[in-house]
N, C-alpha and C. Protein backbone atom coordinates (compact mmCIF):
# COMPACT_ATOMS: atom_id res chain seq x y z
N MET A 1 9.14 15.12 -7.79
CA MET A 1 9.08 15.36 -6.36
C MET A 1 7.80 16.11 -6.00
N VAL A 2 7.38 17.03 -6.86
CA VAL A 2 6.12 17.75 -6.61
C VAL A 2 4.95 16.78 -6.64
N LEU A 3 4.94 15.86 -7.62
CA LEU A 3 3.87 14.86 -7.69
C LEU A 3 3.87 13.98 -6.45
N PHE A 4 5.07 13.57 -6.00
CA PHE A 4 5.17 12.71 -4.82
C PHE A 4 4.64 13.43 -3.59
N ILE A 5 5.00 14.70 -3.42
CA ILE A 5 4.51 15.47 -2.28
C ILE A 5 3.00 15.65 -2.37
N ALA A 6 2.47 15.87 -3.59
CA ALA A 6 1.02 16.00 -3.75
C ALA A 6 0.29 14.71 -3.39
N LEU A 7 0.94 13.57 -3.63
CA LEU A 7 0.32 12.29 -3.29
C LEU A 7 0.28 12.04 -1.79
N ILE A 8 1.33 12.46 -1.08
CA ILE A 8 1.41 12.10 0.34
C ILE A 8 0.90 13.18 1.28
N VAL A 9 0.48 14.32 0.74
CA VAL A 9 -0.06 15.37 1.60
C VAL A 9 -1.37 14.88 2.24
N PRO A 10 -1.48 14.99 3.58
CA PRO A 10 -2.73 14.54 4.21
C PRO A 10 -3.89 15.46 3.87
N LEU A 11 -4.91 14.89 3.25
CA LEU A 11 -6.10 15.64 2.86
C LEU A 11 -7.32 14.94 3.43
N PRO A 12 -8.45 15.65 3.55
CA PRO A 12 -9.68 14.97 3.96
C PRO A 12 -10.06 13.88 2.95
N PHE A 13 -10.78 12.89 3.44
CA PHE A 13 -11.10 11.72 2.61
C PHE A 13 -11.85 12.10 1.34
N THR A 14 -12.84 12.99 1.45
CA THR A 14 -13.65 13.34 0.28
C THR A 14 -12.81 14.07 -0.77
N VAL A 15 -11.92 14.97 -0.31
CA VAL A 15 -11.06 15.72 -1.25
C VAL A 15 -10.10 14.77 -1.95
N LYS A 16 -9.51 13.87 -1.16
CA LYS A 16 -8.56 12.92 -1.73
C LYS A 16 -9.26 11.99 -2.72
N ARG A 17 -10.49 11.55 -2.37
CA ARG A 17 -11.22 10.66 -3.27
C ARG A 17 -11.55 11.36 -4.58
N LYS A 18 -12.00 12.62 -4.50
CA LYS A 18 -12.31 13.37 -5.72
C LYS A 18 -11.07 13.57 -6.57
N MET A 19 -9.94 13.86 -5.91
CA MET A 19 -8.70 14.09 -6.65
C MET A 19 -8.26 12.81 -7.37
N PHE A 20 -8.31 11.67 -6.68
CA PHE A 20 -7.87 10.43 -7.30
C PHE A 20 -8.87 9.93 -8.33
N ASN A 21 -10.16 10.21 -8.13
CA ASN A 21 -11.14 9.88 -9.17
C ASN A 21 -10.88 10.69 -10.43
N PHE A 22 -10.54 11.97 -10.26
CA PHE A 22 -10.21 12.82 -11.40
C PHE A 22 -8.97 12.30 -12.11
N ILE A 23 -7.95 11.91 -11.32
CA ILE A 23 -6.70 11.42 -11.91
C ILE A 23 -6.95 10.12 -12.68
N SER A 24 -7.75 9.22 -12.11
CA SER A 24 -7.93 7.92 -12.76
C SER A 24 -8.94 7.94 -13.90
N GLU A 25 -9.82 8.96 -13.96
CA GLU A 25 -10.86 8.97 -15.00
C GLU A 25 -10.66 10.04 -16.08
N SER A 26 -9.80 11.02 -15.84
CA SER A 26 -9.64 12.12 -16.79
C SER A 26 -8.83 11.67 -18.02
N PRO A 27 -9.33 11.95 -19.23
CA PRO A 27 -8.56 11.58 -20.42
C PRO A 27 -7.30 12.43 -20.57
N LEU A 28 -7.32 13.66 -20.07
CA LEU A 28 -6.13 14.51 -20.13
C LEU A 28 -5.02 13.92 -19.27
N VAL A 29 -5.36 13.46 -18.08
CA VAL A 29 -4.36 12.86 -17.19
C VAL A 29 -3.87 11.54 -17.78
N ALA A 30 -4.76 10.80 -18.45
CA ALA A 30 -4.34 9.54 -19.08
C ALA A 30 -3.30 9.82 -20.18
N LYS A 31 -3.52 10.88 -20.97
CA LYS A 31 -2.54 11.25 -21.99
C LYS A 31 -1.23 11.68 -21.35
N LEU A 32 -1.32 12.41 -20.24
CA LEU A 32 -0.13 12.86 -19.53
C LEU A 32 0.64 11.67 -18.98
N GLN A 33 -0.07 10.69 -18.43
CA GLN A 33 0.60 9.49 -17.93
C GLN A 33 1.26 8.71 -19.06
N TYR A 34 0.60 8.65 -20.19
CA TYR A 34 1.20 7.98 -21.35
C TYR A 34 2.48 8.69 -21.78
N GLY A 35 2.43 10.01 -21.82
CA GLY A 35 3.63 10.79 -22.16
C GLY A 35 4.75 10.60 -21.15
N MET A 36 4.38 10.49 -19.86
CA MET A 36 5.41 10.27 -18.83
C MET A 36 6.04 8.89 -18.98
N LYS A 37 5.25 7.89 -19.37
CA LYS A 37 5.81 6.56 -19.57
C LYS A 37 6.83 6.58 -20.70
N ILE A 38 6.50 7.28 -21.78
CA ILE A 38 7.45 7.39 -22.90
C ILE A 38 8.71 8.13 -22.45
N THR A 39 8.52 9.19 -21.65
CA THR A 39 9.67 9.94 -21.14
C THR A 39 10.57 9.05 -20.30
N PHE A 40 9.96 8.22 -19.45
CA PHE A 40 10.77 7.35 -18.60
C PHE A 40 11.46 6.25 -19.41
N ILE A 41 10.88 5.87 -20.53
CA ILE A 41 11.57 4.92 -21.41
C ILE A 41 12.82 5.58 -21.98
N PHE A 42 12.70 6.84 -22.39
CA PHE A 42 13.88 7.57 -22.88
C PHE A 42 14.92 7.73 -21.78
N ILE A 43 14.46 7.99 -20.56
CA ILE A 43 15.40 8.13 -19.44
C ILE A 43 16.11 6.81 -19.18
N LEU A 44 15.39 5.69 -19.32
CA LEU A 44 16.02 4.38 -19.17
C LEU A 44 17.10 4.17 -20.22
N ILE A 45 16.81 4.59 -21.46
CA ILE A 45 17.82 4.48 -22.53
C ILE A 45 19.03 5.34 -22.20
N LEU A 46 18.78 6.57 -21.71
CA LEU A 46 19.90 7.44 -21.32
C LEU A 46 20.70 6.84 -20.17
N PHE A 47 20.00 6.19 -19.23
CA PHE A 47 20.70 5.55 -18.11
C PHE A 47 21.62 4.44 -18.61
N LEU A 48 21.11 3.59 -19.51
CA LEU A 48 21.94 2.52 -20.06
C LEU A 48 23.12 3.08 -20.84
N ASP A 49 22.89 4.16 -21.59
CA ASP A 49 23.97 4.81 -22.34
C ASP A 49 25.02 5.38 -21.39
N SER A 50 24.58 6.00 -20.30
CA SER A 50 25.54 6.58 -19.36
C SER A 50 26.35 5.49 -18.64
N VAL A 51 25.71 4.36 -18.35
CA VAL A 51 26.46 3.24 -17.75
C VAL A 51 27.51 2.75 -18.73
N ASN A 52 27.15 2.65 -20.00
CA ASN A 52 28.09 2.23 -21.04
C ASN A 52 29.25 3.23 -21.14
N ARG A 53 28.94 4.53 -21.08
CA ARG A 53 29.99 5.55 -21.17
C ARG A 53 30.93 5.49 -19.97
N VAL A 54 30.37 5.28 -18.80
CA VAL A 54 31.22 5.16 -17.61
C VAL A 54 32.18 3.99 -17.76
N TYR A 55 31.67 2.88 -18.27
CA TYR A 55 32.52 1.71 -18.48
C TYR A 55 33.63 2.01 -19.50
N ARG A 56 33.25 2.65 -20.63
CA ARG A 56 34.25 2.96 -21.65
C ARG A 56 35.31 3.94 -21.15
N VAL A 57 34.88 4.94 -20.38
CA VAL A 57 35.84 5.92 -19.85
C VAL A 57 36.77 5.24 -18.84
N GLN A 58 36.23 4.31 -18.08
CA GLN A 58 37.05 3.58 -17.12
C GLN A 58 38.12 2.77 -17.85
N VAL A 59 37.73 2.12 -18.95
CA VAL A 59 38.70 1.35 -19.75
C VAL A 59 39.74 2.27 -20.35
N GLU A 60 39.30 3.43 -20.85
CA GLU A 60 40.25 4.40 -21.43
C GLU A 60 41.22 4.93 -20.37
N MET A 61 40.73 5.13 -19.17
CA MET A 61 41.57 5.60 -18.07
C MET A 61 42.63 4.55 -17.73
N GLN A 62 42.23 3.29 -17.74
CA GLN A 62 43.19 2.21 -17.46
C GLN A 62 44.28 2.15 -18.53
N SER A 63 43.88 2.33 -19.79
CA SER A 63 44.87 2.26 -20.86
C SER A 63 45.81 3.46 -20.81
N LEU A 64 45.33 4.64 -20.39
CA LEU A 64 46.21 5.81 -20.25
C LEU A 64 47.23 5.59 -19.13
N LEU A 65 46.81 4.97 -18.06
CA LEU A 65 47.75 4.72 -16.96
C LEU A 65 48.82 3.73 -17.38
N LYS A 66 48.48 2.77 -18.24
CA LYS A 66 49.48 1.80 -18.70
C LYS A 66 50.47 2.45 -19.68
N ASP A 67 50.00 3.42 -20.48
CA ASP A 67 50.83 4.05 -21.50
C ASP A 67 51.70 5.18 -20.97
N SER A 68 51.66 5.49 -19.71
CA SER A 68 52.38 6.66 -19.17
C SER A 68 53.85 6.34 -18.91
N SER A 69 54.57 5.87 -19.93
CA SER A 69 56.01 5.60 -19.80
C SER A 69 56.77 6.64 -20.61
N GLY A 70 57.82 7.23 -20.05
CA GLY A 70 58.63 8.24 -20.72
C GLY A 70 58.28 9.63 -20.22
N ALA A 71 59.31 10.56 -20.18
CA ALA A 71 59.11 11.90 -19.62
C ALA A 71 58.35 12.79 -20.59
N GLY A 72 58.67 12.77 -21.90
CA GLY A 72 57.99 13.62 -22.87
C GLY A 72 56.55 13.19 -23.08
N ARG A 73 56.34 11.92 -22.95
CA ARG A 73 54.99 11.38 -23.14
C ARG A 73 54.09 11.74 -21.95
N ALA A 74 54.68 11.96 -20.77
CA ALA A 74 53.90 12.20 -19.54
C ALA A 74 53.11 13.50 -19.64
N ALA A 75 53.68 14.56 -20.25
CA ALA A 75 52.98 15.84 -20.37
C ALA A 75 51.77 15.71 -21.28
N ALA A 76 51.92 14.99 -22.39
CA ALA A 76 50.80 14.80 -23.32
C ALA A 76 49.71 13.94 -22.68
N ILE A 77 50.16 12.94 -21.94
CA ILE A 77 49.19 12.04 -21.29
C ILE A 77 48.46 12.78 -20.17
N GLY A 78 49.15 13.75 -19.51
CA GLY A 78 48.52 14.51 -18.42
C GLY A 78 47.30 15.27 -18.91
N SER A 79 47.41 15.94 -20.07
CA SER A 79 46.25 16.66 -20.60
C SER A 79 45.16 15.69 -21.05
N ASP A 80 45.59 14.57 -21.65
CA ASP A 80 44.60 13.55 -22.03
C ASP A 80 43.90 12.98 -20.80
N ARG A 81 44.69 12.81 -19.75
CA ARG A 81 44.12 12.25 -18.52
C ARG A 81 43.08 13.19 -17.91
N MET A 82 43.35 14.49 -17.95
CA MET A 82 42.38 15.46 -17.43
C MET A 82 41.09 15.44 -18.24
N GLU A 83 41.26 15.32 -19.55
CA GLU A 83 40.07 15.25 -20.40
C GLU A 83 39.25 13.99 -20.12
N VAL A 84 39.94 12.86 -19.93
CA VAL A 84 39.26 11.60 -19.64
C VAL A 84 38.57 11.68 -18.28
N GLN A 85 39.24 12.30 -17.30
CA GLN A 85 38.62 12.43 -15.98
C GLN A 85 37.38 13.33 -16.03
N ALA A 86 37.42 14.39 -16.85
CA ALA A 86 36.25 15.25 -17.01
C ALA A 86 35.10 14.47 -17.64
N ARG A 87 35.42 13.68 -18.68
CA ARG A 87 34.38 12.87 -19.30
C ARG A 87 33.83 11.81 -18.33
N LYS A 88 34.73 11.27 -17.50
CA LYS A 88 34.30 10.29 -16.49
C LYS A 88 33.33 10.95 -15.50
N PHE A 89 33.67 12.17 -15.07
CA PHE A 89 32.81 12.89 -14.13
C PHE A 89 31.43 13.14 -14.74
N TYR A 90 31.39 13.61 -16.00
CA TYR A 90 30.11 13.91 -16.65
C TYR A 90 29.28 12.64 -16.87
N SER A 91 29.95 11.58 -17.28
CA SER A 91 29.19 10.34 -17.52
C SER A 91 28.68 9.75 -16.21
N GLN A 92 29.48 9.85 -15.13
CA GLN A 92 29.00 9.38 -13.82
C GLN A 92 27.84 10.24 -13.32
N ARG A 93 27.95 11.55 -13.53
CA ARG A 93 26.87 12.44 -13.12
C ARG A 93 25.58 12.09 -13.84
N ASN A 94 25.68 11.87 -15.18
CA ASN A 94 24.49 11.50 -15.95
C ASN A 94 23.91 10.16 -15.49
N MET A 95 24.81 9.22 -15.16
CA MET A 95 24.34 7.92 -14.70
C MET A 95 23.56 8.06 -13.38
N TYR A 96 24.09 8.84 -12.45
CA TYR A 96 23.42 9.02 -11.17
C TYR A 96 22.08 9.76 -11.34
N LEU A 97 22.09 10.81 -12.15
CA LEU A 97 20.85 11.57 -12.34
C LEU A 97 19.75 10.72 -12.97
N THR A 98 20.09 10.01 -14.03
CA THR A 98 19.07 9.18 -14.69
C THR A 98 18.66 8.01 -13.80
N GLY A 99 19.60 7.43 -13.06
CA GLY A 99 19.28 6.33 -12.16
C GLY A 99 18.34 6.76 -11.05
N PHE A 100 18.63 7.90 -10.44
CA PHE A 100 17.75 8.39 -9.37
C PHE A 100 16.38 8.79 -9.92
N THR A 101 16.36 9.32 -11.14
CA THR A 101 15.07 9.67 -11.75
C THR A 101 14.23 8.42 -11.98
N LEU A 102 14.85 7.36 -12.47
CA LEU A 102 14.11 6.10 -12.66
C LEU A 102 13.63 5.54 -11.33
N PHE A 103 14.50 5.61 -10.32
CA PHE A 103 14.11 5.10 -9.00
C PHE A 103 12.95 5.91 -8.44
N LEU A 104 12.99 7.23 -8.61
CA LEU A 104 11.90 8.08 -8.14
C LEU A 104 10.61 7.76 -8.89
N SER A 105 10.71 7.46 -10.19
CA SER A 105 9.49 7.11 -10.94
C SER A 105 8.88 5.81 -10.43
N LEU A 106 9.72 4.83 -10.07
CA LEU A 106 9.20 3.59 -9.50
C LEU A 106 8.53 3.85 -8.15
N ILE A 107 9.15 4.67 -7.32
CA ILE A 107 8.56 5.00 -6.01
C ILE A 107 7.23 5.72 -6.21
N LEU A 108 7.21 6.66 -7.14
CA LEU A 108 5.99 7.42 -7.42
C LEU A 108 4.86 6.51 -7.88
N ASN A 109 5.17 5.59 -8.78
CA ASN A 109 4.16 4.67 -9.30
C ASN A 109 3.64 3.76 -8.19
N ARG A 110 4.54 3.24 -7.37
CA ARG A 110 4.13 2.33 -6.29
C ARG A 110 3.31 3.08 -5.23
N THR A 111 3.71 4.31 -4.91
CA THR A 111 2.97 5.10 -3.93
C THR A 111 1.56 5.39 -4.44
N TYR A 112 1.44 5.73 -5.71
CA TYR A 112 0.14 5.99 -6.30
C TYR A 112 -0.76 4.77 -6.19
N GLY A 113 -0.21 3.59 -6.52
CA GLY A 113 -0.99 2.36 -6.41
C GLY A 113 -1.41 2.05 -4.99
N MET A 114 -0.49 2.27 -4.04
CA MET A 114 -0.83 1.99 -2.64
C MET A 114 -1.89 2.94 -2.12
N ILE A 115 -1.83 4.20 -2.51
CA ILE A 115 -2.83 5.17 -2.06
C ILE A 115 -4.19 4.83 -2.65
N LEU A 116 -4.22 4.40 -3.92
CA LEU A 116 -5.49 3.97 -4.52
C LEU A 116 -6.08 2.78 -3.76
N ASP A 117 -5.21 1.82 -3.38
CA ASP A 117 -5.69 0.67 -2.60
C ASP A 117 -6.26 1.10 -1.26
N VAL A 118 -5.56 2.02 -0.59
CA VAL A 118 -6.03 2.51 0.71
C VAL A 118 -7.37 3.23 0.56
N LEU A 119 -7.51 4.04 -0.50
CA LEU A 119 -8.78 4.74 -0.72
C LEU A 119 -9.92 3.77 -0.97
N ARG A 120 -9.66 2.72 -1.76
CA ARG A 120 -10.71 1.72 -2.00
C ARG A 120 -11.13 1.04 -0.70
N LEU A 121 -10.14 0.71 0.13
CA LEU A 121 -10.47 0.06 1.40
C LEU A 121 -11.23 1.01 2.32
N GLU A 122 -10.84 2.27 2.35
CA GLU A 122 -11.56 3.25 3.18
C GLU A 122 -13.00 3.40 2.70
N GLU A 123 -13.20 3.41 1.38
CA GLU A 123 -14.56 3.50 0.84
C GLU A 123 -15.39 2.30 1.25
N LYS A 124 -14.78 1.10 1.20
CA LYS A 124 -15.52 -0.09 1.61
C LYS A 124 -15.89 -0.03 3.09
N VAL A 125 -14.94 0.42 3.91
CA VAL A 125 -15.22 0.52 5.34
C VAL A 125 -16.34 1.51 5.60
N LYS A 126 -16.27 2.67 4.96
CA LYS A 126 -17.33 3.67 5.15
C LYS A 126 -18.67 3.16 4.63
N MET A 127 -18.63 2.40 3.53
CA MET A 127 -19.87 1.86 2.98
C MET A 127 -20.48 0.84 3.94
N TYR A 128 -19.63 0.00 4.53
CA TYR A 128 -20.13 -1.00 5.47
C TYR A 128 -20.59 -0.37 6.78
N GLU A 129 -20.03 0.80 7.09
CA GLU A 129 -20.46 1.50 8.30
C GLU A 129 -21.77 2.24 8.09
N GLY A 130 -22.20 2.36 6.84
CA GLY A 130 -23.51 2.93 6.58
C GLY A 130 -23.50 4.29 5.93
N ASP A 131 -22.39 4.72 5.38
CA ASP A 131 -22.34 6.01 4.69
C ASP A 131 -22.64 5.77 3.21
N PRO A 132 -23.83 6.12 2.71
CA PRO A 132 -24.18 5.80 1.32
C PRO A 132 -23.39 6.60 0.30
N GLN A 133 -22.77 7.69 0.69
CA GLN A 133 -21.98 8.49 -0.26
C GLN A 133 -20.57 7.96 -0.39
N ALA A 134 -20.16 7.03 0.48
CA ALA A 134 -18.77 6.59 0.49
C ALA A 134 -18.42 5.70 -0.67
N GLY A 135 -19.29 4.77 -1.02
CA GLY A 135 -18.91 3.74 -1.99
C GLY A 135 -19.20 4.06 -3.42
N GLY A 136 -19.54 5.28 -3.75
CA GLY A 136 -19.85 5.61 -5.14
C GLY A 136 -21.13 4.93 -5.57
N LYS A 137 -21.08 4.16 -6.66
CA LYS A 137 -22.28 3.50 -7.18
C LYS A 137 -22.78 2.42 -6.23
N GLU A 138 -21.83 1.66 -5.63
CA GLU A 138 -22.24 0.62 -4.69
C GLU A 138 -22.89 1.24 -3.46
N GLY A 139 -22.35 2.35 -3.00
CA GLY A 139 -22.92 3.03 -1.84
C GLY A 139 -24.30 3.58 -2.14
N GLU A 140 -24.49 4.05 -3.39
CA GLU A 140 -25.82 4.54 -3.77
C GLU A 140 -26.83 3.40 -3.79
N LYS A 141 -26.42 2.22 -4.29
CA LYS A 141 -27.32 1.06 -4.27
C LYS A 141 -27.69 0.70 -2.84
N LEU A 142 -26.68 0.71 -1.97
CA LEU A 142 -26.94 0.41 -0.56
C LEU A 142 -27.84 1.47 0.05
N GLY A 143 -27.62 2.73 -0.34
CA GLY A 143 -28.41 3.82 0.20
C GLY A 143 -29.85 3.77 -0.25
N LYS A 144 -30.12 3.18 -1.43
CA LYS A 144 -31.51 3.05 -1.88
C LYS A 144 -32.28 2.08 -1.00
N HIS A 145 -31.61 1.02 -0.58
CA HIS A 145 -32.29 0.01 0.23
C HIS A 145 -32.34 0.42 1.70
N TYR A 146 -31.26 0.96 2.21
CA TYR A 146 -31.18 1.32 3.63
C TYR A 146 -30.57 2.71 3.75
N ARG A 147 -31.21 3.55 4.52
CA ARG A 147 -30.63 4.85 4.83
C ARG A 147 -29.63 4.67 5.96
N ALA A 148 -28.80 5.67 6.16
CA ALA A 148 -27.76 5.59 7.20
C ALA A 148 -28.37 5.45 8.58
N ASP A 149 -29.50 6.16 8.85
CA ASP A 149 -30.12 6.06 10.17
C ASP A 149 -30.74 4.67 10.38
N GLN A 150 -31.26 4.07 9.29
CA GLN A 150 -31.79 2.71 9.41
C GLN A 150 -30.68 1.71 9.72
N ILE A 151 -29.53 1.89 9.06
CA ILE A 151 -28.40 0.99 9.31
C ILE A 151 -27.93 1.14 10.75
N GLY A 152 -27.88 2.39 11.24
CA GLY A 152 -27.51 2.61 12.63
C GLY A 152 -28.49 1.97 13.59
N GLU A 153 -29.79 2.07 13.27
CA GLU A 153 -30.82 1.45 14.12
C GLU A 153 -30.69 -0.07 14.10
N LEU A 154 -30.41 -0.63 12.92
CA LEU A 154 -30.22 -2.08 12.82
C LEU A 154 -29.00 -2.53 13.62
N LYS A 155 -27.95 -1.73 13.62
CA LYS A 155 -26.76 -2.07 14.41
C LYS A 155 -27.08 -2.06 15.89
N LYS A 156 -27.86 -1.07 16.33
CA LYS A 156 -28.26 -1.01 17.75
C LYS A 156 -29.10 -2.23 18.13
N GLN A 157 -30.02 -2.60 17.24
CA GLN A 157 -30.85 -3.78 17.51
C GLN A 157 -30.00 -5.04 17.58
N LEU A 158 -29.01 -5.12 16.69
CA LEU A 158 -28.12 -6.28 16.69
C LEU A 158 -27.32 -6.35 17.99
N GLU A 159 -26.81 -5.21 18.46
CA GLU A 159 -26.08 -5.18 19.72
C GLU A 159 -27.00 -5.60 20.88
N LYS A 160 -28.23 -5.13 20.85
CA LYS A 160 -29.20 -5.49 21.90
C LYS A 160 -29.45 -6.99 21.89
N LYS A 161 -29.64 -7.56 20.71
CA LYS A 161 -29.88 -9.01 20.60
C LYS A 161 -28.65 -9.79 21.07
N ASP A 162 -27.45 -9.28 20.77
CA ASP A 162 -26.23 -9.95 21.24
C ASP A 162 -26.17 -9.96 22.76
N LYS A 163 -26.53 -8.83 23.39
CA LYS A 163 -26.54 -8.77 24.85
C LYS A 163 -27.57 -9.73 25.43
N GLU A 164 -28.77 -9.77 24.82
CA GLU A 164 -29.80 -10.69 25.29
C GLU A 164 -29.34 -12.14 25.15
N LEU A 165 -28.67 -12.45 24.05
CA LEU A 165 -28.18 -13.80 23.83
C LEU A 165 -27.14 -14.19 24.87
N SER A 166 -26.21 -13.27 25.16
CA SER A 166 -25.19 -13.58 26.17
C SER A 166 -25.83 -13.74 27.55
N ALA A 167 -26.87 -12.93 27.85
CA ALA A 167 -27.56 -13.08 29.13
C ALA A 167 -28.27 -14.43 29.20
N MET A 168 -28.90 -14.85 28.11
CA MET A 168 -29.58 -16.15 28.10
C MET A 168 -28.57 -17.29 28.24
N LYS A 169 -27.40 -17.15 27.64
CA LYS A 169 -26.37 -18.18 27.78
C LYS A 169 -25.92 -18.30 29.22
N SER A 170 -25.67 -17.16 29.87
CA SER A 170 -25.23 -17.21 31.26
C SER A 170 -26.34 -17.77 32.15
N GLN A 171 -27.60 -17.43 31.85
CA GLN A 171 -28.73 -17.96 32.61
C GLN A 171 -28.83 -19.48 32.41
N ALA A 172 -28.65 -19.95 31.19
CA ALA A 172 -28.70 -21.39 30.93
C ALA A 172 -27.57 -22.12 31.65
N GLU A 173 -26.38 -21.50 31.68
CA GLU A 173 -25.27 -22.12 32.40
C GLU A 173 -25.59 -22.22 33.90
N GLY A 174 -26.18 -21.16 34.45
CA GLY A 174 -26.56 -21.17 35.87
C GLY A 174 -27.60 -22.25 36.15
N LEU A 175 -28.60 -22.37 35.27
CA LEU A 175 -29.62 -23.41 35.44
C LEU A 175 -29.01 -24.81 35.34
N GLN A 176 -28.07 -24.98 34.45
CA GLN A 176 -27.42 -26.29 34.30
C GLN A 176 -26.65 -26.65 35.56
N LYS A 177 -25.94 -25.66 36.16
CA LYS A 177 -25.20 -25.91 37.39
C LYS A 177 -26.16 -26.28 38.52
N GLU A 178 -27.25 -25.54 38.64
CA GLU A 178 -28.24 -25.83 39.69
C GLU A 178 -28.83 -27.22 39.49
N TYR A 179 -29.14 -27.59 38.27
CA TYR A 179 -29.70 -28.91 37.99
C TYR A 179 -28.71 -30.01 38.40
N ASP A 180 -27.43 -29.80 38.04
CA ASP A 180 -26.41 -30.78 38.40
C ASP A 180 -26.31 -30.93 39.92
N GLU A 181 -26.29 -29.78 40.63
CA GLU A 181 -26.21 -29.82 42.09
C GLU A 181 -27.42 -30.53 42.69
N LEU A 182 -28.62 -30.21 42.18
CA LEU A 182 -29.83 -30.85 42.71
C LEU A 182 -29.85 -32.34 42.41
N SER A 183 -29.38 -32.74 41.23
CA SER A 183 -29.37 -34.17 40.91
C SER A 183 -28.37 -34.91 41.78
N VAL A 184 -27.24 -34.28 42.11
CA VAL A 184 -26.27 -34.91 43.01
C VAL A 184 -26.88 -35.06 44.40
N LYS A 185 -27.54 -34.00 44.90
CA LYS A 185 -28.19 -34.07 46.21
C LYS A 185 -29.30 -35.13 46.25
N TYR A 186 -30.08 -35.22 45.18
CA TYR A 186 -31.16 -36.18 45.12
C TYR A 186 -30.61 -37.60 45.15
N ASN A 187 -29.52 -37.82 44.42
CA ASN A 187 -28.90 -39.13 44.40
C ASN A 187 -28.32 -39.49 45.76
N GLN A 188 -27.81 -38.47 46.49
CA GLN A 188 -27.27 -38.73 47.83
C GLN A 188 -28.40 -39.07 48.81
N LEU A 189 -29.57 -38.41 48.67
CA LEU A 189 -30.69 -38.67 49.57
C LEU A 189 -31.39 -39.98 49.25
N ASN A 190 -31.48 -40.33 48.00
CA ASN A 190 -32.16 -41.56 47.57
C ASN A 190 -31.18 -42.45 46.81
N PRO A 191 -30.28 -43.11 47.51
CA PRO A 191 -29.29 -43.94 46.79
C PRO A 191 -29.91 -45.14 46.12
N SER A 192 -31.04 -45.63 46.62
CA SER A 192 -31.65 -46.81 46.03
C SER A 192 -32.18 -46.53 44.64
N THR A 193 -32.74 -45.33 44.41
CA THR A 193 -33.25 -45.00 43.07
C THR A 193 -32.12 -44.84 42.10
N GLY A 194 -30.98 -44.30 42.59
CA GLY A 194 -29.81 -44.17 41.72
C GLY A 194 -29.31 -45.52 41.29
N ASP A 195 -29.35 -46.56 42.26
CA ASP A 195 -28.87 -47.90 41.91
C ASP A 195 -29.80 -48.55 40.90
N LYS A 196 -31.10 -48.33 41.07
CA LYS A 196 -32.07 -48.92 40.14
C LYS A 196 -31.87 -48.36 38.74
N LYS A 197 -31.58 -47.05 38.71
CA LYS A 197 -31.37 -46.43 37.37
C LYS A 197 -30.12 -46.97 36.72
N SER A 198 -29.09 -47.21 37.56
CA SER A 198 -27.85 -47.69 36.99
C SER A 198 -27.97 -49.13 36.52
N ASN A 199 -28.87 -49.94 37.22
CA ASN A 199 -29.12 -51.33 36.79
C ASN A 199 -29.92 -51.30 35.52
């Protein structure tokens, strides 16, 4: 639960990136993750064992209920029944604890993977926006060719060219409409030339 809370705590992008880079590149953390995988394998074995015990205790409980015939036998079966119920409680408790621990490990692993994916995407976005420190090695390569202020200047020039292009398109549309109107008027004034052209 502490690891899960540490993963989901909102941190600044640079701090979170450094933390996850340390986690993914540190040999100490790699050994710790390997040890945790082995631990979870043991927990899975304990979970399967506890499920088996719950099943066996359930069968034993059923057989005790069938054997409860006779008054003298009832007192002996009562103590046996209490013991079986205590074992049932402990085995169910172990099953729930190990099951929830396995479920939490799956959630933890999936959350870690999703956060790494989000960090990679954020780095790509920052790199494409022109932050040379965002993309690590790729950002440094980009930063060698273009500085952040150059990228910003290029973006401004691109926006300016887009505006000029849209203005030229609207101007061309206006000229086309005027040409069409003038050609219609010309054809109305000189119908004979229009007929000659059509022939």
